[in-house]
C-alpha atoms as a PDB file:
ATOM      1  CA  MET A   1       4.765  19.491 -52.679  1.00  0.00           C
ATOM      2  CA  ALA A   2       1.903  17.423 -53.778  1.00  0.00           C
ATOM      3  CA  ASN A   3       2.420  15.139 -56.530  1.00  0.00           C
ATOM      4  CA  LYS A   4      -0.982  14.159 -57.422  1.00  0.00           C
ATOM      5  CA  LYS A   5      -3.916  16.608 -58.517  1.00  0.00           C
ATOM      6  CA  SER A   6      -5.948  15.329 -55.390  1.00  0.00           C
ATOM      7  CA  ALA A   7      -3.285  15.929 -52.960  1.00  0.00           C
ATOM      8  CA  GLU A   8      -3.029  19.366 -54.052  1.00  0.00           C
ATOM      9  CA  LYS A   9      -6.990  20.005 -53.471  1.00  0.00           C
ATOM     10  CA  GLN A  10      -6.421  18.383 -50.141  1.00  0.00           C
ATOM     11  CA  ASN A  11      -3.783  20.930 -49.270  1.00  0.00           C
ATOM     12  CA  ARG A  12      -5.805  23.787 -50.457  1.00  0.00           C
ATOM     13  CA  GLN A  13      -8.928  22.400 -48.323  1.00  0.00           C
ATOM     14  CA  ARG A  14      -6.412  21.935 -45.056  1.00  0.00           C
ATOM     15  CA  VAL A  15      -5.188  25.663 -45.259  1.00  0.00           C
ATOM     16  CA  LYS A  16      -8.855  26.965 -45.475  1.00  0.00           C
ATOM     17  CA  ARG A  17     -10.258  24.636 -42.867  1.00  0.00           C
ATOM     18  CA  THR A  18      -7.150  25.413 -40.385  1.00  0.00           C
ATOM     19  CA  ALA A  19      -7.851  29.300 -40.965  1.00  0.00           C
ATOM     20  CA  ALA A  20     -11.939  28.839 -40.107  1.00  0.00           C
ATOM     21  CA  ASN A  21     -10.872  26.704 -36.976  1.00  0.00           C
ATOM     22  CA  ASN A  22      -8.325  29.105 -35.948  1.00  0.00           C
ATOM     23  CA  ALA A  23     -10.807  32.066 -36.274  1.00  0.00           C
ATOM     24  CA  ARG A  24     -13.581  30.253 -34.556  1.00  0.00           C
ATOM     25  CA  ARG A  25     -11.302  29.315 -31.672  1.00  0.00           C
ATOM     26  CA  SER A  26     -10.062  32.839 -31.301  1.00  0.00           C
ATOM     27  CA  ALA A  27     -13.503  34.152 -31.318  1.00  0.00           C
ATOM     28  CA  MET A  28     -14.291  31.791 -28.599  1.00  0.00           C
ATOM     29  CA  ARG A  29     -11.369  32.784 -26.563  1.00  0.00           C
ATOM     30  CA  THR A  30     -12.366  36.386 -26.991  1.00  0.00           C
ATOM     31  CA  ALA A  31     -15.819  35.821 -25.676  1.00  0.00           C
ATOM     32  CA  ILE A  32     -14.612  34.040 -22.790  1.00  0.00           C
ATOM     33  CA  LYS A  33     -12.015  36.807 -21.956  1.00  0.00           C
ATOM     34  CA  LYS A  34     -14.800  39.204 -22.140  1.00  0.00           C
ATOM     35  CA  VAL A  35     -16.908  37.425 -19.649  1.00  0.00           C
ATOM     36  CA  ARG A  36     -13.968  36.843 -17.352  1.00  0.00           C
ATOM     37  CA  ALA A  37     -12.947  40.687 -17.478  1.00  0.00           C
ATOM     38  CA  ALA A  38     -16.865  41.413 -16.664  1.00  0.00           C
ATOM     39  CA  ILE A  39     -16.626  38.976 -13.728  1.00  0.00           C
ATOM     40  CA  SER A  40     -13.588  40.678 -12.323  1.00  0.00           C
ATOM     41  CA  ALA A  41     -14.927  44.052 -12.615  1.00  0.00           C
ATOM     42  CA  LYS A  42     -18.131  43.022 -10.879  1.00  0.00           C
ATOM     43  CA  LYS A  43     -20.384  44.179 -13.588  1.00  0.00           C
ATOM     44  CA  ALA A  44     -23.412  42.174 -12.558  1.00  0.00           C
ATOM     45  CA  ASP A  45     -25.701  43.697 -15.397  1.00  0.00           C
ATOM     46  CA  GLU A  46     -23.339  42.795 -18.088  1.00  0.00           C
ATOM     47  CA  VAL A  47     -22.302  39.152 -17.061  1.00  0.00           C
ATOM     48  CA  PRO A  48     -25.346  37.281 -18.214  1.00  0.00           C
ATOM     49  CA  VAL A  49     -25.585  38.350 -21.220  1.00  0.00           C
ATOM     50  CA  LEU A  50     -21.734  38.180 -21.932  1.00  0.00           C
ATOM     51  CA  LEU A  51     -22.020  34.631 -20.640  1.00  0.00           C
ATOM     52  CA  GLN A  52     -24.955  33.584 -22.731  1.00  0.00           C
ATOM     53  CA  GLU A  53     -23.007  34.581 -26.296  1.00  0.00           C
ATOM     54  CA  ALA A  54     -19.840  32.914 -24.644  1.00  0.00           C
ATOM     55  CA  VAL A  55     -21.725  29.654 -24.170  1.00  0.00           C
ATOM     56  CA  GLN A  56     -23.398  29.774 -27.397  1.00  0.00           C
ATOM     57  CA  LEU A  57     -19.758  30.215 -29.129  1.00  0.00           C
ATOM     58  CA  ILE A  58     -18.429  27.383 -27.142  1.00  0.00           C
ATOM     59  CA  ASP A  59     -21.127  25.214 -27.919  1.00  0.00           C
ATOM     60  CA  ARG A  60     -20.706  26.223 -31.602  1.00  0.00           C
ATOM     61  CA  THR A  61     -16.988  25.427 -31.684  1.00  0.00           C
ATOM     62  CA  SER A  62     -17.533  22.330 -29.978  1.00  0.00           C
ATOM     63  CA  GLY A  63     -20.271  21.070 -32.497  1.00  0.00           C
ATOM     64  CA  ARG A  64     -17.833  21.734 -35.439  1.00  0.00           C
ATOM     65  CA  GLY A  65     -14.943  19.749 -33.707  1.00  0.00           C
ATOM     66  CA  VAL A  66     -12.766  22.869 -33.133  1.00  0.00           C
ATOM     67  CA  VAL A  67     -12.568  22.141 -29.509  1.00  0.00           C
ATOM     68  CA  LYS A  68     -13.657  18.878 -27.829  1.00  0.00           C
ATOM     69  CA  LYS A  69     -16.905  17.992 -26.068  1.00  0.00           C
ATOM     70  CA  ASN A  70     -15.548  17.743 -22.655  1.00  0.00           C
ATOM     71  CA  THR A  71     -13.401  20.788 -22.842  1.00  0.00           C
ATOM     72  CA  ALA A  72     -16.382  22.908 -24.069  1.00  0.00           C
ATOM     73  CA  SER A  73     -18.204  21.407 -21.289  1.00  0.00           C
ATOM     74  CA  ARG A  74     -15.616  22.135 -18.469  1.00  0.00           C
ATOM     75  CA  LEU A  75     -15.286  25.714 -19.844  1.00  0.00           C
ATOM     76  CA  VAL A  76     -18.983  26.403 -19.609  1.00  0.00           C
ATOM     77  CA  SER A  77     -19.319  25.026 -16.180  1.00  0.00           C
ATOM     78  CA  ARG A  78     -16.505  27.241 -14.817  1.00  0.00           C
ATOM     79  CA  LEU A  79     -17.599  30.432 -16.487  1.00  0.00           C
ATOM     80  CA  THR A  80     -21.254  29.814 -15.025  1.00  0.00           C
ATOM     81  CA  VAL A  81     -19.862  29.077 -11.232  1.00  0.00           C
ATOM     82  CA  ALA A  82     -17.836  32.181 -11.871  1.00  0.00           C
ATOM     83  CA  ALA A  83     -20.537  34.162 -12.999  1.00  0.00           C
ATOM     84  CA  ARG A  84     -23.063  32.914 -10.335  1.00  0.00           C
ATOM     85  CA  HIS A  85     -20.663  34.315  -7.777  1.00  0.00           C
ATOM     86  CA  VAL A  86     -20.729  37.831  -9.113  1.00  0.00           C
ATOM     87  CA  SER A  87     -24.386  38.135  -9.034  1.00  0.00           C
ATOM     88  CA  ALA A  88     -24.526  36.791  -5.565  1.00  0.00           C
END
């Protein structure tokens, strides 16, 4: 329990930020799953569109500090390589 008003405010802010970060991370993971599902189903027409959306979400979450920059880069790289093999 917070003893000061400022500590109570920090707790409220922490709860809001955590919820927002969890929502962003969840949206990113969902986009990644959609791309992977399209890749495994060999839907070459859907993959580029889904990949672009996923990359944008990954970059956005990285920019907001939800995931680290290198993690985001690794995710994008692996998705791109997998998508390239579907169309080829």
